[in-house]
């Protein structure tokens, strides 16, 4: 009996659904793992890594994850990457808790979840192609990079708050772009997609903490 082949469009749709499903599953696992590590880091009051160590750990583990994304070892690298960021988050959360701002953490978590849900749901519902955002994302990355370098020397609270707000907008755009990229077949590797979405969520959460903490302290 001759085998009946599905049309190319149907095969592409099935493939994109599989990548999306695997991405959300792995994202949920890495978020849970990162939260556990952050909790341990907070409870044990572990010291924050210095700036150089954080940069090396962040970019080194991200590079390793992307390098191994096509192999099973890429999953372990993704957990190592998200676990490291969870550890780095512990000292930040400790500062808020010691200042009696536990509610700020809860608000930042809720805000992060809301942004992710709204952005993902909108793209999945409308199925709009967000590839036009790539140019704006690159421009936004350059602006953020220049702003972060300037803030190292200037250390201005107003500039820090502006950068936090821009990070939220940039990360929301990254969620829109990455989700669209998955459902339209531009991203076929769920490990890379997971890391991209995780970093966006991490940046939104930390930026909301910064904005809400600044508002509360004033």
Protein backbone atom coordinates (compact mmCIF):
# COMPACT_ATOMS: atom_id res chain seq x y z
CA UNK A 1 0.00 0.00 0.00
CA UNK A 2 1.36 3.42 -0.93
CA UNK A 3 2.14 5.66 1.99
CA UNK A 4 0.06 8.85 2.13
CA UNK A 5 2.28 11.84 2.79
CA UNK A 6 1.02 14.93 4.58
CA UNK A 7 1.34 18.23 2.71
CA UNK A 8 4.49 20.23 3.41
CA UNK A 9 2.46 22.95 5.16
CA UNK A 10 0.86 20.42 7.49
CA UNK A 11 4.21 18.85 8.32
CA UNK A 12 5.65 22.30 9.07
CA UNK A 13 2.69 23.11 11.35
CA UNK A 14 3.09 19.83 13.24
CA UNK A 15 6.82 20.45 13.61
CA UNK A 16 6.32 24.00 14.94
CA UNK A 17 3.70 22.77 17.43
CA UNK A 18 6.16 20.14 18.65
CA UNK A 19 8.93 22.74 19.11
CA UNK A 20 6.52 25.04 20.94
CA UNK A 21 5.30 22.25 23.23
CA UNK A 22 8.84 21.10 24.04
CA UNK A 23 9.94 24.70 24.60
CA UNK A 24 7.20 25.43 27.12
CA UNK A 25 7.81 22.13 28.89
CA UNK A 26 11.56 22.73 29.22
CA UNK A 27 10.96 26.37 30.14
CA UNK A 28 8.69 25.29 32.99
CA UNK A 29 11.30 22.83 34.26
CA UNK A 30 14.18 25.33 34.07
CA UNK A 31 12.12 28.03 35.79
CA UNK A 32 11.27 25.64 38.61
CA UNK A 33 14.92 24.57 38.92
CA UNK A 34 16.10 28.17 38.90
CA UNK A 35 13.55 29.05 41.59
CA UNK A 36 14.78 26.18 43.78
CA UNK A 37 18.40 27.29 43.42
CA UNK A 38 17.41 30.92 44.12
CA UNK A 39 15.57 29.80 47.27
CA UNK A 40 18.59 27.82 48.48
CA UNK A 41 20.88 30.75 47.71
CA UNK A 42 18.56 33.09 49.63
CA UNK A 43 18.11 30.81 52.65
CA UNK A 44 21.85 30.16 52.97
CA UNK A 45 22.68 33.83 52.31
CA UNK A 46 25.26 32.82 49.72
CA UNK A 47 27.53 35.63 48.52
CA UNK A 48 26.87 37.31 45.21
CA UNK A 49 29.40 36.53 42.47
CA UNK A 50 31.59 39.44 41.45
CA UNK A 51 30.96 41.24 38.19
CA UNK A 52 33.63 39.36 36.22
CA UNK A 53 32.48 35.95 37.47
CA UNK A 54 28.88 36.75 36.64
CA UNK A 55 29.78 37.82 33.09
CA UNK A 56 31.94 34.74 32.53
CA UNK A 57 29.29 32.44 34.00
CA UNK A 58 26.44 34.03 32.06
CA UNK A 59 28.03 34.23 28.63
CA UNK A 60 30.13 31.08 29.06
CA UNK A 61 27.16 28.89 30.01
CA UNK A 62 24.95 30.52 27.38
CA UNK A 63 27.58 29.83 24.70
CA UNK A 64 27.90 26.24 25.93
CA UNK A 65 24.12 25.75 25.83
CA UNK A 66 23.85 27.09 22.28
CA UNK A 67 26.86 25.01 21.22
CA UNK A 68 25.26 21.82 22.58
CA UNK A 69 21.68 22.69 21.62
CA UNK A 70 21.51 19.94 18.99
CA UNK A 71 22.63 17.26 21.44
CA UNK A 72 21.07 15.77 24.59
CA UNK A 73 23.86 17.41 26.61
CA UNK A 74 22.30 20.75 25.66
CA UNK A 75 19.50 20.09 28.15
CA UNK A 76 22.04 19.70 30.97
CA UNK A 77 23.76 22.89 29.84
CA UNK A 78 20.42 24.72 29.89
CA UNK A 79 19.84 23.61 33.50
CA UNK A 80 23.38 24.69 34.43
CA UNK A 81 22.79 28.09 32.84
CA UNK A 82 19.42 28.71 34.50
CA UNK A 83 20.67 27.33 37.81
CA UNK A 84 23.60 29.76 37.76
CA UNK A 85 21.24 32.68 37.19
CA UNK A 86 19.04 31.39 40.01
CA UNK A 87 22.08 31.42 42.30
CA UNK A 88 22.88 35.00 41.23
CA UNK A 89 19.30 36.00 42.04
CA UNK A 90 19.54 34.80 45.66
CA UNK A 91 21.60 37.73 47.02
CA UNK A 92 19.31 40.19 45.20
CA UNK A 93 16.23 38.68 46.83
CA UNK A 94 17.99 38.74 50.20
CA UNK A 95 18.43 42.49 49.98
CA UNK A 96 14.72 42.97 49.35
CA UNK A 97 13.71 40.59 52.12
CA UNK A 98 16.04 42.19 54.64
CA UNK A 99 14.53 45.57 53.74
CA UNK A 100 11.02 44.25 54.43
CA UNK A 101 10.02 44.32 50.75
CA UNK A 102 8.87 40.76 50.26
CA UNK A 103 5.68 42.07 48.68
CA UNK A 104 7.77 43.75 45.98
CA UNK A 105 9.15 40.34 45.03
CA UNK A 106 5.61 38.96 44.77
CA UNK A 107 4.51 41.92 42.63
CA UNK A 108 7.52 41.49 40.33
CA UNK A 109 6.74 37.78 39.94
CA UNK A 110 3.11 38.54 39.13
CA UNK A 111 4.06 41.27 36.67
CA UNK A 112 6.56 38.99 34.93
CA UNK A 113 3.97 36.23 34.57
CA UNK A 114 1.41 38.72 33.25
CA UNK A 115 3.77 40.13 30.61
CA UNK A 116 4.72 36.63 29.43
CA UNK A 117 1.12 35.43 29.31
CA UNK A 118 -0.13 38.48 27.41
CA UNK A 119 2.71 38.50 24.87
CA UNK A 120 2.59 34.75 24.23
CA UNK A 121 -1.21 34.58 24.11
CA UNK A 122 -1.41 37.48 21.65
CA UNK A 123 1.07 35.93 19.21
CA UNK A 124 -0.42 32.44 19.53
CA UNK A 125 -3.94 33.80 19.01
CA UNK A 126 -3.28 36.17 16.13
CA UNK A 127 -0.38 34.13 14.65
CA UNK A 128 1.17 37.38 13.47
CA UNK A 129 4.64 37.27 11.97
CA UNK A 130 6.80 39.42 14.25
CA UNK A 131 9.97 39.13 12.20
CA UNK A 132 9.80 42.89 11.55
CA UNK A 133 10.90 43.36 15.17
CA UNK A 134 14.40 42.02 14.49
CA UNK A 135 15.77 45.40 13.36
CA UNK A 136 14.25 47.21 16.33
CA UNK A 137 15.54 44.52 18.67
CA UNK A 138 19.08 45.03 17.39
CA UNK A 139 18.79 48.81 17.80
CA UNK A 140 17.36 48.33 21.29
CA UNK A 141 20.22 46.00 22.24
CA UNK A 142 22.79 48.60 21.19
CA UNK A 143 20.99 51.34 23.18
CA UNK A 144 20.86 49.11 26.27
CA UNK A 145 24.52 48.16 25.92
CA UNK A 146 25.60 51.80 25.66
CA UNK A 147 23.34 52.72 28.57
CA UNK A 148 24.74 49.96 30.80
CA UNK A 149 28.34 50.96 30.04
CA UNK A 150 27.50 54.62 30.76
CA UNK A 151 25.80 53.69 34.02
CA UNK A 152 28.93 51.88 35.22
CA UNK A 153 30.75 55.22 35.25
CA UNK A 154 27.88 57.62 36.00
CA UNK A 155 25.89 55.49 38.48
CA UNK A 156 22.80 57.68 38.16
CA UNK A 157 19.56 56.39 39.74
CA UNK A 158 17.49 58.01 36.98
CA UNK A 159 19.54 56.27 34.30
CA UNK A 160 19.22 52.97 36.16
CA UNK A 161 15.43 53.32 36.25
CA UNK A 162 15.33 54.22 32.55
CA UNK A 163 17.42 51.16 31.72
CA UNK A 164 15.09 48.95 33.78
CA UNK A 165 12.07 50.25 31.87
CA UNK A 166 13.85 49.74 28.54
CA UNK A 167 14.83 46.20 29.56
CA UNK A 168 11.17 45.38 30.19
CA UNK A 169 10.15 46.70 26.77
CA UNK A 170 13.07 44.98 25.06
CA UNK A 171 12.35 41.65 26.77
CA UNK A 172 8.62 41.85 25.99
CA UNK A 173 9.56 42.38 22.34
CA UNK A 174 11.93 39.41 22.54
CA UNK A 175 9.09 37.19 23.80
CA UNK A 176 6.87 38.33 20.93
CA UNK A 177 9.63 37.76 18.40
CA UNK A 178 10.75 34.36 19.73
CA UNK A 179 7.21 32.99 20.04
CA UNK A 180 6.43 34.11 16.49
CA UNK A 181 9.70 32.63 15.30
CA UNK A 182 8.74 29.26 16.76
CA UNK A 183 5.22 29.04 15.35
CA UNK A 184 6.34 30.17 11.89
CA UNK A 185 9.17 27.65 11.71
CA UNK A 186 12.06 30.08 12.07
CA UNK A 187 13.26 28.40 15.27
CA UNK A 188 13.39 24.62 15.17
CA UNK A 189 15.48 23.98 18.30
CA UNK A 190 13.53 24.04 21.55
CA UNK A 191 16.65 24.35 23.74
CA UNK A 192 17.69 27.61 22.09
CA UNK A 193 14.10 28.85 22.24
CA UNK A 194 13.89 27.97 25.94
CA UNK A 195 17.06 29.87 26.80
CA UNK A 196 15.88 32.91 24.83
CA UNK A 197 12.52 33.01 26.63
CA UNK A 198 14.12 32.33 30.02
CA UNK A 199 16.55 35.25 29.64
CA UNK A 200 13.65 37.53 28.68
CA UNK A 201 11.67 36.47 31.76
CA UNK A 202 14.72 36.87 34.00
CA UNK A 203 15.37 40.39 32.70
CA UNK A 204 11.74 41.41 33.15
CA UNK A 205 11.68 40.10 36.73
CA UNK A 206 14.95 41.79 37.74
CA UNK A 207 13.91 45.06 36.04
CA UNK A 208 10.53 45.06 37.78
CA UNK A 209 12.29 44.43 41.09
CA UNK A 210 14.50 47.44 40.42
CA UNK A 211 11.59 49.74 39.46
CA UNK A 212 9.26 48.65 42.26
CA UNK A 213 12.05 48.69 44.83
CA UNK A 214 13.04 52.22 43.82
CA UNK A 215 9.44 53.34 44.05
CA UNK A 216 9.02 51.77 47.49
CA UNK A 217 12.29 53.19 48.85
CA UNK A 218 11.13 56.67 47.89
